[in-house]
Amino acid sequence: MTTIDWEKKIKIDTAWVDRQLINHFSDKKLKITIRGYTPKSTGNQFSCESLIEELTFFLPDYVHSEKSKKQKFKSLTSKYGHHNAENRLDIALYQEAQTFFGKKNPITDGKYGEILLFALVESVLKSKMVAHKIIGLSNANDQIKGGDGIFIGNYEIEKGKFEPAILIGESKIMQEFSESIDDAFDSLDRFHSVDSKAQFNSMEFIVANNTMFIDNNDIDYDKIYDLLTPGTVDFKKQILVHPILIMYNTAKINSIETKAKNNEELENLIKNYMEKEKFNFISKINKKVNLLPSIAKIYIDFFIFPFNDIDSFRNGMYFSIHKVPYQNKNQ
């Protein structure tokens, strides 16, 4: 199987992880990886404002495929000429990305978790997003359960050993860790049900050409298309990985903020909290895996983010994208 350099196909600045996040631990056992993160704090307060600002810059790359970027540039050139099209392309792409997110209630909109998951998988797992969803060609409205982004890459199954992989993401933002884990495993269970598994492995089930985030002029385009086509030799050689983002609230961070006198002390207290909670995370996830034998067969990679107020993240993302706070018209 020809090796593809996936990192060269990733457009976002992957150094954002080091700028914005602290990785407190990465635990790998058999096919389960659990990674604990928090945003870097500001002063003696837990803050996600800088993280939100960084994620907002990724909107055009998250929303637009290379094909749609070219189509927008062609449209602008036709209307305003080549020079003006070059100057106006970034603004036009960002404006369309704003429309993609829409002015929905951020508390119920799952896209904010999906963009964070996208940025993590491309930057940490070095895997390229190739589509937002997998779509059954027999029904264009049918999107398989359990898919918040589909990626292709080389996944590290053990230290220094990589395997070609198709990665299907899942994002969960909920009030409690246990609730988030339960919902994530419910989604995985639905994905691997008899009906969904049959659909995923059918010849009909494919990422359509016009949804791919890979330019059709890419030297590896045909190879990538085969990787996404069930039934091909290349598709069959890939392992399946589910990267899962877990964001949840904990009152512990509020008490840490109250206790911390400065930034260094705050970060140390958060680190201590994460190191202690690590065993709780591992225990709860392993219990769920033990209850679902079919899930134990696949690779799962958890990105765990505790917050003191996940609504501040969602409302902050909304404001950063639309430049106005969300207003509920029904109130």
Protein backbone atom coordinates (compact mmCIF):
# COMPACT_ATOMS: atom_id res chain seq x y z
CA MET A 1 0.00 0.00 0.00
CA THR A 2 1.53 3.29 -1.13
CA THR A 3 2.19 5.64 1.78
CA ILE A 4 0.57 9.07 1.51
CA ASP A 5 2.09 12.03 3.34
CA TRP A 6 -1.10 13.21 5.03
CA GLU A 7 0.59 15.99 6.99
CA LYS A 8 1.37 17.83 3.75
CA LYS A 9 -2.33 17.85 2.89
CA ILE A 10 -3.35 19.49 6.17
CA LYS A 11 -3.94 23.22 5.65
CA ILE A 12 -4.42 24.48 9.22
CA ASP A 13 -1.57 25.63 11.45
CA THR A 14 -1.14 22.54 13.61
CA ALA A 15 1.06 24.46 16.08
CA TRP A 16 -2.16 25.85 17.59
CA VAL A 17 -2.26 22.91 20.00
CA ASP A 18 0.96 23.99 21.72
CA ARG A 19 -0.20 27.61 21.80
CA GLN A 20 -3.63 26.96 23.26
CA LEU A 21 -3.74 23.63 25.10
CA ILE A 22 -2.06 21.67 27.88
CA ASN A 23 -1.94 17.90 27.39
CA HIS A 24 -2.00 16.51 30.93
CA PHE A 25 -1.78 12.84 29.99
CA SER A 26 -2.11 10.35 27.15
CA ASP A 27 -2.94 6.81 28.22
CA LYS A 28 -3.02 3.95 25.72
CA LYS A 29 -4.06 0.40 26.47
CA LEU A 30 -4.81 -2.08 23.72
CA LYS A 31 -7.17 -0.21 21.36
CA ILE A 32 -8.28 2.57 23.72
CA THR A 33 -6.41 5.89 23.94
CA ILE A 34 -7.45 8.54 26.46
CA ARG A 35 -6.00 12.05 26.27
CA GLY A 36 -6.67 14.76 28.87
CA TYR A 37 -6.56 18.43 27.87
CA THR A 38 -7.41 21.86 29.22
CA PRO A 39 -7.06 25.28 27.55
CA LYS A 40 -4.15 27.36 28.81
CA SER A 41 -5.43 29.67 31.52
CA THR A 42 -5.33 33.47 31.73
CA GLY A 43 -4.05 34.77 35.04
CA ASN A 44 -5.71 32.82 37.83
CA GLN A 45 -8.85 32.13 35.79
CA PHE A 46 -9.82 29.18 33.64
CA SER A 47 -10.42 30.68 30.20
CA CYS A 48 -11.27 29.44 26.70
CA GLU A 49 -11.29 32.85 24.97
CA SER A 50 -7.93 32.39 23.27
CA LEU A 51 -8.91 28.88 22.16
CA ILE A 52 -12.16 30.25 20.70
CA GLU A 53 -10.29 32.94 18.78
CA GLU A 54 -7.91 30.36 17.30
CA LEU A 55 -10.69 27.98 16.27
CA THR A 56 -12.51 30.82 14.52
CA PHE A 57 -9.56 31.23 12.14
CA PHE A 58 -10.08 27.61 11.06
CA LEU A 59 -13.65 28.15 9.87
CA PRO A 60 -12.91 28.45 6.13
CA ASP A 61 -10.75 25.30 6.11
CA TYR A 62 -13.39 23.41 8.09
CA VAL A 63 -16.31 24.49 5.92
CA HIS A 64 -14.82 24.66 2.41
CA SER A 65 -13.40 21.87 0.30
CA GLU A 66 -10.62 22.75 -2.14
CA LYS A 67 -13.18 22.42 -4.91
CA SER A 68 -15.57 24.92 -3.30
CA LYS A 69 -12.69 27.36 -2.72
CA LYS A 70 -11.81 27.22 -6.42
CA GLN A 71 -15.44 27.67 -7.41
CA LYS A 72 -15.73 30.75 -5.19
CA PHE A 73 -12.53 32.20 -6.66
CA LYS A 74 -13.84 31.57 -10.18
CA SER A 75 -17.11 33.30 -9.31
CA LEU A 76 -15.32 36.31 -7.83
CA THR A 77 -13.01 36.54 -10.86
CA SER A 78 -15.97 36.58 -13.21
CA LYS A 79 -17.56 39.44 -11.29
CA TYR A 80 -14.59 41.54 -10.16
CA GLY A 81 -11.50 40.45 -12.10
CA HIS A 82 -8.51 38.33 -11.06
CA HIS A 83 -6.76 40.89 -8.81
CA ASN A 84 -9.88 41.80 -6.84
CA ALA A 85 -10.81 38.11 -6.56
CA GLU A 86 -7.47 37.37 -4.89
CA ASN A 87 -7.96 40.24 -2.42
CA ARG A 88 -11.57 39.34 -1.61
CA LEU A 89 -11.42 35.53 -1.51
CA ASP A 90 -10.59 35.17 2.20
CA ILE A 91 -13.44 37.47 3.22
CA ALA A 92 -15.90 35.71 0.91
CA LEU A 93 -14.92 32.28 2.22
CA TYR A 94 -15.26 33.44 5.82
CA GLN A 95 -18.67 34.96 5.16
CA GLU A 96 -19.89 31.69 3.66
CA ALA A 97 -18.45 29.83 6.65
CA GLN A 98 -20.53 32.07 8.92
CA THR A 99 -23.61 31.08 6.95
CA PHE A 100 -22.69 27.40 7.29
CA PHE A 101 -22.83 27.70 11.06
CA GLY A 102 -26.02 29.74 10.94
CA LYS A 103 -27.60 31.71 13.76
CA LYS A 104 -28.79 28.69 15.70
CA ASN A 105 -29.00 28.45 19.47
CA PRO A 106 -25.38 27.69 20.45
CA ILE A 107 -26.51 25.66 23.45
CA THR A 108 -28.09 23.06 21.14
CA ASP A 109 -25.79 23.41 18.12
CA GLY A 110 -23.21 20.61 17.96
CA LYS A 111 -21.02 22.23 15.29
CA TYR A 112 -18.80 24.02 17.82
CA GLY A 113 -17.62 20.71 19.22
CA GLU A 114 -17.18 19.39 15.69
CA ILE A 115 -14.78 22.17 14.69
CA LEU A 116 -12.67 21.53 17.81
CA LEU A 117 -12.63 17.82 16.99
CA PHE A 118 -11.60 18.62 13.40
CA ALA A 119 -8.70 20.76 14.62
CA LEU A 120 -7.57 18.09 17.11
CA VAL A 121 -7.66 15.16 14.68
CA GLU A 122 -5.78 17.06 11.99
CA SER A 123 -3.19 18.43 14.43
CA VAL A 124 -2.70 15.65 17.01
CA LEU A 125 -3.52 12.55 14.95
CA LYS A 126 -2.11 14.08 11.73
CA SER A 127 -5.10 12.81 9.74
CA LYS A 128 -6.78 14.81 6.98
CA MET A 129 -10.50 15.55 7.06
CA VAL A 130 -11.93 14.43 3.74
CA ALA A 131 -15.64 15.00 4.38
CA HIS A 132 -18.04 16.33 7.01
CA LYS A 133 -20.29 13.30 6.75
CA ILE A 134 -20.52 9.94 5.00
CA ILE A 135 -23.51 9.90 2.69
CA GLY A 136 -25.34 6.93 1.22
CA LEU A 137 -25.70 7.51 -2.51
CA SER A 138 -29.13 5.89 -2.63
CA ASN A 139 -30.40 8.58 -0.26
CA ALA A 140 -28.61 11.92 -0.26
CA ASN A 141 -30.28 12.85 3.04
CA ASP A 142 -29.11 9.69 4.80
CA GLN A 143 -26.11 10.37 7.04
CA ILE A 144 -24.80 7.44 9.00
CA LYS A 145 -25.07 7.55 12.77
CA GLY A 146 -21.92 8.46 14.64
CA GLY A 147 -20.09 10.59 12.10
CA ASP A 148 -18.91 14.11 12.98
CA GLY A 149 -16.23 14.26 10.31
CA ILE A 150 -14.41 11.58 8.35
CA PHE A 151 -10.62 11.57 8.17
CA ILE A 152 -7.90 9.52 6.52
CA GLY A 153 -4.41 9.04 7.91
CA ASN A 154 -1.81 6.75 9.41
CA TYR A 155 -2.81 5.92 12.99
CA GLU A 156 -0.27 4.97 15.66
CA ILE A 157 -1.47 1.62 17.03
CA GLU A 158 1.58 1.27 19.27
CA LYS A 159 4.68 3.35 19.81
CA GLY A 160 6.38 3.92 16.45
CA LYS A 161 4.02 1.60 14.53
CA PHE A 162 1.41 3.10 12.22
CA GLU A 163 -1.42 1.61 10.20
CA PRO A 164 -3.50 3.18 7.40
CA ALA A 165 -6.80 4.22 8.95
CA ILE A 166 -10.18 5.69 8.26
CA LEU A 167 -11.27 7.82 11.23
CA ILE A 168 -14.90 8.67 11.93
CA GLY A 169 -15.31 11.29 14.63
CA GLU A 170 -17.86 11.94 17.33
CA SER A 171 -18.28 15.13 19.39
CA LYS A 172 -20.11 15.27 22.72
CA ILE A 173 -20.63 18.45 24.76
CA MET A 174 -22.71 17.75 27.87
CA GLN A 175 -23.09 18.75 31.49
CA GLU A 176 -21.52 15.66 33.05
CA PHE A 177 -18.67 13.35 32.12
CA SER A 178 -20.72 10.18 32.65
CA GLU A 179 -23.52 11.57 30.48
CA SER A 180 -21.06 12.41 27.70
CA ILE A 181 -19.49 8.96 27.82
CA ASP A 182 -22.88 7.22 27.81
CA ASP A 183 -23.99 9.24 24.80
CA ALA A 184 -20.72 8.61 22.96
CA PHE A 185 -20.98 4.85 23.43
CA ASP A 186 -24.65 4.91 22.42
CA SER A 187 -23.56 6.54 19.15
CA LEU A 188 -20.79 3.99 18.66
CA ASP A 189 -23.21 1.15 19.35
CA ARG A 190 -25.66 2.51 16.77
CA PHE A 191 -22.86 2.92 14.26
CA HIS A 192 -21.80 -0.69 14.71
CA SER A 193 -25.32 -2.10 14.72
CA VAL A 194 -26.13 -4.69 12.08
CA ASP A 195 -27.91 -2.19 9.83
CA SER A 196 -25.30 0.57 10.01
CA LYS A 197 -22.38 -1.82 9.63
CA ALA A 198 -23.97 -3.38 6.56
CA GLN A 199 -24.48 0.08 5.07
CA PHE A 200 -20.91 1.16 5.86
CA ASN A 201 -19.46 -1.93 4.18
CA SER A 202 -21.71 -1.91 1.13
CA MET A 203 -20.39 -0.96 -2.30
CA GLU A 204 -23.05 1.74 -2.48
CA PHE A 205 -21.81 3.51 0.61
CA ILE A 206 -19.18 6.05 -0.40
CA VAL A 207 -18.07 9.61 0.12
CA ALA A 208 -19.36 11.30 -3.01
CA ASN A 209 -16.88 13.07 -5.27
CA ASN A 210 -18.38 16.52 -4.69
CA THR A 211 -18.14 16.25 -0.88
CA MET A 212 -14.43 15.42 -0.71
CA PHE A 213 -12.07 17.94 0.84
CA ILE A 214 -9.22 16.78 -1.39
CA ASP A 215 -8.54 18.71 -4.58
CA ASN A 216 -9.18 16.58 -7.67
CA ASN A 217 -5.85 17.84 -9.02
CA ASP A 218 -4.09 16.28 -6.03
CA ILE A 219 -1.55 13.69 -7.15
CA ASP A 220 -3.08 11.20 -4.67
CA TYR A 221 -6.72 11.93 -5.51
CA ASP A 222 -7.50 8.58 -7.14
CA LYS A 223 -5.76 6.72 -4.35
CA ILE A 224 -7.73 8.64 -1.72
CA TYR A 225 -10.98 7.98 -3.56
CA ASP A 226 -10.19 4.26 -3.40
CA LEU A 227 -9.50 4.56 0.33
CA LEU A 228 -13.03 5.90 0.73
CA THR A 229 -14.71 3.33 -1.49
CA PRO A 230 -15.90 0.19 0.34
CA GLY A 231 -14.94 -2.98 -1.48
CA THR A 232 -11.61 -1.76 -2.86
CA VAL A 233 -8.35 -3.43 -1.83
CA ASP A 234 -7.08 -0.19 -0.22
CA PHE A 235 -10.29 0.34 1.74
CA LYS A 236 -10.13 -3.16 3.20
CA LYS A 237 -6.56 -2.68 4.44
CA GLN A 238 -7.51 0.25 6.67
CA ILE A 239 -8.28 -0.01 10.36
CA LEU A 240 -11.30 1.88 11.72
CA VAL A 241 -10.67 4.51 14.41
CA HIS A 242 -13.22 6.63 16.28
CA PRO A 243 -11.74 9.89 17.63
CA ILE A 244 -14.18 11.17 20.26
CA LEU A 245 -14.28 14.63 21.83
CA ILE A 246 -15.72 14.73 25.35
CA MET A 247 -16.46 18.17 26.87
CA TYR A 248 -18.17 18.39 30.23
CA ASN A 249 -18.74 20.64 33.24
CA THR A 250 -17.14 20.21 36.65
CA ALA A 251 -17.57 22.45 39.69
CA LYS A 252 -14.03 21.49 40.74
CA ILE A 253 -12.53 24.03 38.34
CA ASN A 254 -14.49 26.84 40.00
CA SER A 255 -13.08 25.86 43.39
CA ILE A 256 -9.59 25.69 41.89
CA GLU A 257 -9.98 29.22 40.51
CA THR A 258 -11.07 30.47 43.94
CA LYS A 259 -8.05 28.87 45.60
CA ALA A 260 -5.36 29.81 43.03
CA LYS A 261 -3.36 32.99 43.70
CA ASN A 262 -1.70 33.25 40.28
CA ASN A 263 -1.38 31.54 36.91
CA GLU A 264 1.33 29.09 37.96
CA GLU A 265 -0.67 27.91 40.96
CA LEU A 266 -3.84 27.61 38.89
CA GLU A 267 -2.13 25.47 36.27
CA ASN A 268 -0.57 23.25 38.93
CA LEU A 269 -3.92 22.73 40.65
CA ILE A 270 -5.59 21.91 37.32
CA LYS A 271 -2.78 19.48 36.50
CA ASN A 272 -3.22 17.75 39.87
CA TYR A 273 -6.95 17.52 39.27
CA MET A 274 -6.45 16.00 35.81
CA GLU A 275 -3.90 13.47 37.04
CA LYS A 276 -6.29 12.31 39.79
CA GLU A 277 -9.28 12.23 37.44
CA LYS A 278 -7.33 10.23 34.88
CA PHE A 279 -8.07 6.99 36.71
CA ASN A 280 -11.76 7.86 36.92
CA PHE A 281 -11.83 8.54 33.16
CA ILE A 282 -10.10 5.24 32.40
CA SER A 283 -12.32 3.24 34.75
CA LYS A 284 -15.61 4.58 33.35
CA ILE A 285 -14.54 4.14 29.74
CA ASN A 286 -13.29 0.59 30.33
CA LYS A 287 -16.56 -0.36 32.02
CA LYS A 288 -18.49 0.81 28.95
CA VAL A 289 -16.16 -1.09 26.62
CA ASN A 290 -16.61 -4.27 28.67
CA LEU A 291 -20.38 -3.98 28.29
CA LEU A 292 -20.14 -3.70 24.50
CA PRO A 293 -17.96 -6.50 23.06
CA SER A 294 -18.31 -5.20 19.49
CA ILE A 295 -16.80 -1.85 20.53
CA ALA A 296 -13.76 -3.56 22.08
CA LYS A 297 -12.74 -4.65 18.57
CA ILE A 298 -12.24 -1.14 17.23
CA TYR A 299 -9.80 1.67 17.99
CA ILE A 300 -11.16 4.59 20.03
CA ASP A 301 -9.22 7.79 20.76
CA PHE A 302 -10.74 10.07 23.42
CA PHE A 303 -9.98 13.79 23.76
CA ILE A 304 -11.30 14.79 27.20
CA PHE A 305 -11.87 18.45 28.11
CA PRO A 306 -13.30 19.43 31.52
CA PHE A 307 -14.78 22.95 31.70
CA ASN A 308 -16.23 25.09 34.44
CA ASP A 309 -18.92 26.31 32.01
CA ILE A 310 -19.25 24.64 28.59
CA ASP A 311 -21.97 27.13 27.68
CA SER A 312 -19.33 29.87 27.82
CA PHE A 313 -17.45 27.96 25.11
CA ARG A 314 -20.53 27.57 22.91
CA ASN A 315 -21.73 31.14 23.41
CA GLY A 316 -18.17 32.39 22.90
CA MET A 317 -17.88 30.50 19.61
CA TYR A 318 -21.19 31.96 18.45
CA PHE A 319 -20.09 35.51 19.29
CA SER A 320 -16.66 35.03 17.70
CA ILE A 321 -18.23 33.79 14.45
CA HIS A 322 -21.18 36.18 14.17
CA LYS A 323 -19.79 39.18 16.14
CA VAL A 324 -23.06 39.49 18.07
CA PRO A 325 -24.41 37.51 21.05
CA TYR A 326 -27.13 34.96 20.38
CA GLN A 327 -30.65 36.27 20.86
CA ASN A 328 -33.53 33.87 21.30
CA LYS A 329 -36.37 35.32 19.24
CA ASN A 330 -38.90 33.30 21.24
CA GLN A 331 -38.05 35.09 24.45
